[in-house]
N, C-alpha and C. Protein backbone atom coordinates (compact mmCIF):
# COMPACT_ATOMS: atom_id res chain seq x y z
N MET A 1 0.80 -1.02 -0.06
CA MET A 1 0.02 -0.09 0.03
C MET A 1 0.81 1.20 -0.05
N THR A 2 0.56 2.06 -0.86
CA THR A 2 1.37 3.33 -0.89
C THR A 2 0.76 4.37 0.27
N ARG A 3 1.73 4.73 1.09
CA ARG A 3 1.16 5.69 2.15
C ARG A 3 2.19 6.77 2.45
N MET A 4 1.78 8.01 2.53
CA MET A 4 2.42 8.98 2.84
C MET A 4 2.21 9.42 4.34
N TRP A 5 2.91 9.13 5.25
CA TRP A 5 2.50 9.36 6.68
C TRP A 5 2.41 10.91 6.85
N GLY A 6 3.24 11.58 6.38
CA GLY A 6 3.05 13.13 6.62
C GLY A 6 3.56 13.72 7.88
N ILE A 7 4.17 12.91 8.79
CA ILE A 7 4.52 13.44 9.95
C ILE A 7 6.02 13.67 10.10
N ASP A 8 6.53 14.33 11.02
CA ASP A 8 7.94 14.63 11.12
C ASP A 8 8.80 13.35 10.85
N PRO A 9 9.68 13.20 9.76
CA PRO A 9 10.45 12.09 9.60
C PRO A 9 11.23 11.47 10.75
N GLN A 10 11.73 12.38 11.76
CA GLN A 10 12.41 11.95 12.78
C GLN A 10 11.57 11.04 13.73
N LEU A 11 10.18 11.14 13.62
CA LEU A 11 9.38 10.24 14.38
C LEU A 11 9.18 8.87 13.99
N LEU A 12 9.54 8.57 12.86
CA LEU A 12 9.31 7.35 12.14
C LEU A 12 10.62 6.45 12.49
N CYS A 13 10.24 5.17 12.73
CA CYS A 13 11.45 4.10 12.96
C CYS A 13 12.05 3.95 11.62
N ASP A 14 13.24 3.30 11.65
CA ASP A 14 14.01 3.05 10.36
C ASP A 14 13.01 2.35 9.38
N GLN A 15 12.23 1.33 9.76
CA GLN A 15 11.52 0.67 8.84
C GLN A 15 10.45 1.49 8.11
N HIS A 16 9.72 2.28 8.90
CA HIS A 16 8.71 3.16 8.34
C HIS A 16 9.31 4.29 7.51
N LEU A 17 10.42 4.73 7.95
CA LEU A 17 11.16 5.84 7.13
C LEU A 17 11.55 5.25 5.73
N LEU A 18 12.24 4.01 5.91
CA LEU A 18 12.71 3.46 4.66
C LEU A 18 11.42 3.08 3.68
N GLY A 19 10.38 2.59 4.34
CA GLY A 19 9.20 2.27 3.60
C GLY A 19 8.49 3.37 2.87
N GLU A 20 8.44 4.44 3.59
CA GLU A 20 7.78 5.60 3.07
C GLU A 20 8.47 6.26 1.93
N HIS A 21 9.85 6.28 2.10
CA HIS A 21 10.73 6.79 1.12
C HIS A 21 10.54 5.90 -0.23
N THR A 22 10.45 4.67 -0.01
CA THR A 22 10.41 3.57 -1.17
C THR A 22 8.98 3.84 -1.81
N GLU A 23 8.04 4.22 -0.98
CA GLU A 23 6.73 4.47 -1.65
C GLU A 23 6.45 5.57 -2.37
N MET A 24 7.21 6.72 -2.04
CA MET A 24 7.36 7.97 -2.78
C MET A 24 7.86 7.67 -4.11
N HIS A 25 8.95 6.93 -4.36
CA HIS A 25 9.41 6.41 -5.59
C HIS A 25 8.42 5.57 -6.44
N GLN A 26 7.64 4.64 -5.57
CA GLN A 26 6.81 3.93 -6.37
C GLN A 26 5.48 4.66 -6.90
N ALA A 27 5.07 5.59 -6.06
CA ALA A 27 3.93 6.46 -6.53
C ALA A 27 4.31 7.16 -7.62
N VAL A 28 5.64 7.87 -7.72
CA VAL A 28 5.98 8.61 -9.10
C VAL A 28 6.20 7.69 -10.21
N GLY A 29 6.70 6.53 -9.94
CA GLY A 29 6.91 5.55 -11.04
C GLY A 29 5.55 5.07 -11.64
N THR A 30 4.55 4.77 -10.69
CA THR A 30 3.16 4.32 -11.13
C THR A 30 2.67 5.38 -12.01
N LEU A 31 2.78 6.78 -11.47
CA LEU A 31 2.11 7.84 -12.32
C LEU A 31 2.73 8.05 -13.61
N ARG A 32 3.93 7.79 -13.77
CA ARG A 32 4.76 8.02 -15.00
C ARG A 32 4.73 6.87 -16.00
N ASN A 33 4.76 5.60 -15.34
CA ASN A 33 4.87 4.53 -16.27
C ASN A 33 3.70 3.42 -16.42
N HIS A 34 2.82 3.46 -15.45
CA HIS A 34 1.80 2.46 -15.51
C HIS A 34 0.55 3.04 -16.28
N PRO A 35 0.12 2.07 -17.23
CA PRO A 35 -0.96 2.65 -18.19
C PRO A 35 -2.28 3.07 -17.36
N HIS A 36 -2.52 2.66 -16.09
CA HIS A 36 -3.43 3.04 -15.42
C HIS A 36 -3.11 3.80 -14.10
N GLY A 37 -1.81 4.19 -14.17
CA GLY A 37 -1.31 4.99 -13.06
C GLY A 37 -1.99 5.97 -12.38
N GLU A 38 -2.61 6.87 -13.09
CA GLU A 38 -3.42 7.99 -12.36
C GLU A 38 -4.54 7.31 -11.59
N ALA A 39 -5.21 6.27 -12.20
CA ALA A 39 -6.34 5.64 -11.53
C ALA A 39 -5.89 4.92 -10.25
N ILE A 40 -4.72 4.33 -10.18
CA ILE A 40 -4.20 3.62 -9.05
C ILE A 40 -3.80 4.78 -8.11
N VAL A 41 -3.14 5.68 -8.28
CA VAL A 41 -2.73 6.65 -7.38
C VAL A 41 -3.85 7.42 -6.80
N ARG A 42 -4.93 7.72 -7.73
CA ARG A 42 -6.19 8.35 -7.23
C ARG A 42 -6.86 7.64 -6.17
N GLY A 43 -6.88 6.24 -6.22
CA GLY A 43 -7.41 5.45 -5.27
C GLY A 43 -6.79 5.46 -3.90
N HIS A 44 -5.36 5.73 -3.96
CA HIS A 44 -4.66 5.96 -2.62
C HIS A 44 -4.95 7.33 -2.16
N ALA A 45 -5.25 8.30 -3.09
CA ALA A 45 -5.43 9.53 -2.79
C ALA A 45 -6.80 9.85 -2.17
N GLU A 46 -7.78 9.16 -2.66
CA GLU A 46 -9.08 9.21 -2.10
C GLU A 46 -9.27 8.58 -0.70
N ARG A 47 -8.36 7.77 -0.42
CA ARG A 47 -8.35 7.15 0.94
C ARG A 47 -7.48 7.92 2.05
N GLN A 48 -7.05 9.07 1.55
CA GLN A 48 -6.11 10.08 2.19
C GLN A 48 -4.94 9.41 2.78
N GLN A 49 -4.28 8.59 1.80
CA GLN A 49 -3.05 8.05 1.94
C GLN A 49 -1.86 8.55 1.25
N LEU A 50 -2.32 9.57 0.34
CA LEU A 50 -1.25 10.18 -0.60
C LEU A 50 -1.72 11.66 -1.11
N ASP A 51 -0.81 12.54 -1.03
CA ASP A 51 -1.05 13.85 -1.54
C ASP A 51 -0.08 14.07 -2.70
N THR A 52 -0.34 14.01 -3.96
CA THR A 52 0.62 14.00 -5.01
C THR A 52 1.30 15.47 -5.00
N SER A 53 0.72 16.52 -4.54
CA SER A 53 1.34 17.71 -4.61
C SER A 53 2.53 17.75 -3.59
N LYS A 54 2.74 16.94 -2.72
CA LYS A 54 3.74 16.97 -1.68
C LYS A 54 4.66 15.73 -2.04
N LEU A 55 4.65 14.99 -2.93
CA LEU A 55 5.62 13.98 -3.29
C LEU A 55 7.09 14.51 -3.29
N GLN A 56 7.38 15.41 -4.01
CA GLN A 56 8.84 15.86 -4.21
C GLN A 56 9.25 16.29 -2.77
N ALA A 57 8.52 17.12 -2.24
CA ALA A 57 9.08 17.72 -0.90
C ALA A 57 9.16 16.62 0.28
N ARG A 58 8.23 15.76 0.13
CA ARG A 58 8.25 14.69 1.28
C ARG A 58 9.31 13.75 0.94
N HIS A 59 9.68 13.37 -0.27
CA HIS A 59 10.72 12.63 -0.68
C HIS A 59 11.99 13.26 -0.14
N ASP A 60 12.24 14.51 -0.33
CA ASP A 60 13.27 15.23 0.02
C ASP A 60 13.54 15.31 1.54
N ASP A 61 12.49 15.36 2.32
CA ASP A 61 12.48 15.39 3.67
C ASP A 61 12.98 13.99 4.27
N LEU A 62 12.32 12.99 3.66
CA LEU A 62 12.64 11.58 4.10
C LEU A 62 14.13 11.34 3.74
N ALA A 63 14.65 11.78 2.45
CA ALA A 63 15.96 11.51 2.16
C ALA A 63 17.05 12.22 3.18
N ASP A 64 16.65 13.55 3.53
CA ASP A 64 17.38 14.21 4.54
C ASP A 64 17.48 13.51 5.85
N GLU A 65 16.50 12.83 6.21
CA GLU A 65 16.50 12.07 7.52
C GLU A 65 17.23 10.80 7.36
N LEU A 66 17.02 10.20 6.19
CA LEU A 66 17.95 8.99 6.06
C LEU A 66 19.18 9.39 6.26
N GLU A 67 19.84 10.38 5.53
CA GLU A 67 21.09 10.81 5.55
C GLU A 67 21.46 11.17 6.92
N ARG A 68 20.69 11.96 7.80
CA ARG A 68 20.93 12.25 9.12
C ARG A 68 21.25 11.09 10.10
N ARG A 69 20.50 10.10 9.79
CA ARG A 69 20.56 8.73 10.51
C ARG A 69 21.92 7.91 10.00
N GLY A 70 22.60 8.41 9.03
CA GLY A 70 23.77 7.70 8.64
C GLY A 70 23.49 6.62 7.60
N MET A 71 22.26 6.67 7.03
CA MET A 71 21.87 5.78 5.91
C MET A 71 22.42 6.44 4.45
N THR A 72 22.69 5.68 3.53
CA THR A 72 23.08 6.11 2.33
C THR A 72 21.71 6.37 1.50
N HIS A 73 21.70 7.51 0.80
CA HIS A 73 20.49 7.94 -0.04
C HIS A 73 21.14 8.19 -1.45
N ASP A 74 20.68 7.30 -2.39
CA ASP A 74 21.47 7.45 -3.75
C ASP A 74 20.24 7.40 -4.72
N SER A 75 19.10 7.73 -4.41
CA SER A 75 17.96 7.52 -5.23
C SER A 75 17.19 8.90 -5.27
N PRO A 76 17.91 10.00 -5.97
CA PRO A 76 17.14 11.09 -6.25
C PRO A 76 15.83 11.18 -6.94
N MET A 77 15.12 12.04 -6.71
CA MET A 77 13.60 12.01 -7.46
C MET A 77 13.52 13.43 -8.02
N ASN A 78 12.88 13.45 -9.10
CA ASN A 78 12.63 14.73 -9.79
C ASN A 78 11.14 14.56 -10.20
N TYR A 79 10.30 15.24 -9.54
CA TYR A 79 8.74 14.97 -9.66
C TYR A 79 8.17 16.37 -9.68
N GLU A 80 7.47 16.90 -10.64
CA GLU A 80 6.58 17.93 -10.63
C GLU A 80 5.19 17.49 -10.76
N ASP A 81 4.44 17.95 -9.82
CA ASP A 81 3.02 17.29 -9.76
C ASP A 81 2.10 18.39 -10.76
N THR A 82 1.37 17.63 -11.55
CA THR A 82 0.50 18.34 -12.54
C THR A 82 -0.96 18.13 -12.12
N GLN A 83 -1.17 17.20 -11.20
CA GLN A 83 -2.53 16.77 -11.03
C GLN A 83 -3.09 17.14 -9.57
N GLU A 84 -2.21 17.20 -8.65
CA GLU A 84 -2.62 17.49 -7.19
C GLU A 84 -3.61 16.61 -6.76
N LEU A 85 -3.57 15.37 -6.55
CA LEU A 85 -4.52 14.51 -6.12
C LEU A 85 -4.31 14.30 -4.73
N GLY A 86 -5.49 14.34 -3.93
CA GLY A 86 -5.37 13.83 -2.67
C GLY A 86 -5.05 14.69 -1.50
N SER A 87 -5.08 14.10 -0.21
CA SER A 87 -4.67 14.92 0.96
C SER A 87 -4.42 13.81 1.84
N ILE A 88 -3.73 14.27 3.02
CA ILE A 88 -3.45 13.32 4.02
C ILE A 88 -3.85 13.94 5.40
N ASN A 89 -3.92 13.00 6.28
CA ASN A 89 -4.24 13.50 7.71
C ASN A 89 -3.20 13.06 8.73
N PRO A 90 -2.07 13.94 8.92
CA PRO A 90 -0.92 13.60 9.69
C PRO A 90 -1.25 13.15 11.06
N GLU A 91 -2.36 13.83 11.62
CA GLU A 91 -2.62 13.57 13.10
C GLU A 91 -3.28 12.16 13.32
N ARG A 92 -4.14 11.85 12.36
CA ARG A 92 -4.65 10.50 12.31
C ARG A 92 -3.54 9.41 11.98
N ASN A 93 -2.68 9.64 11.05
CA ASN A 93 -1.56 8.88 10.80
C ASN A 93 -0.51 8.64 12.01
N ARG A 94 -0.35 9.83 12.72
CA ARG A 94 0.51 9.69 13.89
C ARG A 94 -0.06 8.68 14.95
N ALA A 95 -1.43 8.89 15.12
CA ALA A 95 -2.05 7.99 16.00
C ALA A 95 -2.08 6.44 15.67
N ASN A 96 -2.11 6.28 14.29
CA ASN A 96 -2.13 4.98 13.64
C ASN A 96 -0.71 4.40 13.94
N LEU A 97 0.31 5.21 13.63
CA LEU A 97 1.62 4.64 14.02
C LEU A 97 1.94 4.33 15.37
N ARG A 98 1.37 5.12 16.28
CA ARG A 98 1.65 4.86 17.77
C ARG A 98 0.92 3.48 18.10
N ASN A 99 -0.01 3.16 17.36
CA ASN A 99 -0.83 1.82 17.73
C ASN A 99 -0.10 0.70 16.89
N ARG A 100 0.47 0.87 15.83
CA ARG A 100 0.90 -0.28 15.15
C ARG A 100 2.32 -0.60 15.29
N CYS A 101 3.06 0.31 15.75
CA CYS A 101 4.53 0.22 15.75
C CYS A 101 5.19 0.73 16.99
N ASP A 102 5.73 -0.25 17.95
CA ASP A 102 6.44 0.11 19.16
C ASP A 102 7.36 0.99 19.05
N ASP A 103 8.41 0.75 17.92
CA ASP A 103 9.40 1.84 17.65
C ASP A 103 9.01 3.05 17.38
N CYS A 104 7.91 3.27 16.58
CA CYS A 104 7.49 4.73 16.41
C CYS A 104 6.74 5.25 17.49
N GLN A 105 6.11 4.41 18.33
CA GLN A 105 5.45 5.05 19.53
C GLN A 105 6.55 5.50 20.44
N ASN A 106 7.69 4.79 20.64
CA ASN A 106 8.59 5.20 21.49
C ASN A 106 9.20 6.42 20.96
N ARG A 107 9.61 6.69 19.63
CA ARG A 107 10.01 7.85 19.18
C ARG A 107 9.14 9.03 19.32
N ILE A 108 7.89 8.74 19.05
CA ILE A 108 6.76 9.90 19.18
C ILE A 108 6.79 10.21 20.70
N GLU A 109 6.64 9.28 21.47
CA GLU A 109 6.63 9.66 23.08
C GLU A 109 7.84 10.39 23.55
N THR A 110 9.00 10.02 23.08
CA THR A 110 10.19 10.64 23.41
C THR A 110 10.30 12.17 22.90
N MET A 111 9.84 12.40 21.68
CA MET A 111 9.77 13.58 21.23
C MET A 111 8.79 14.50 22.01
N GLU A 112 7.66 14.02 22.31
CA GLU A 112 6.52 14.62 23.10
C GLU A 112 7.08 14.97 24.36
N THR A 113 7.85 14.10 24.98
CA THR A 113 8.41 14.39 26.32
C THR A 113 9.50 15.51 26.27
N ASP A 114 10.25 15.40 25.19
CA ASP A 114 11.39 16.42 24.91
C ASP A 114 10.69 17.78 24.73
N SER A 115 9.70 17.85 23.94
CA SER A 115 9.02 19.00 23.57
C SER A 115 8.41 19.66 24.93
N THR A 116 7.69 19.03 25.74
CA THR A 116 7.17 19.53 27.04
C THR A 116 8.09 19.94 28.12
N THR A 117 9.42 19.41 28.17
CA THR A 117 10.32 19.74 29.10
C THR A 117 11.31 20.83 28.82
N ASN A 118 11.12 21.30 27.45
CA ASN A 118 12.04 22.45 26.98
C ASN A 118 11.27 23.79 27.08
């Protein structure tokens, strides 16, 4: 499933960070290369899992976080949106991640604790 979490990349565990980065490339590849690419992406957009107007910026934010964590990023992306399909709900996605991934939950709780103590 293609999903754009849309939350601060620092809050994502390594698995979700890498996964979302891969999915940004998959979405662009689907739009560019699949004969039904727009319809496929539109389905994810309608379920608020993807916002094509944010693909490039989100990819770049994820790539920056990969590099900040010492991971190699060698898959640049050059995408200009011409359709602006979809929207995402970062707060709902944040809650979803907290419930489905212990590592993400720990990262989120640590950041929340840090922000309230500063």
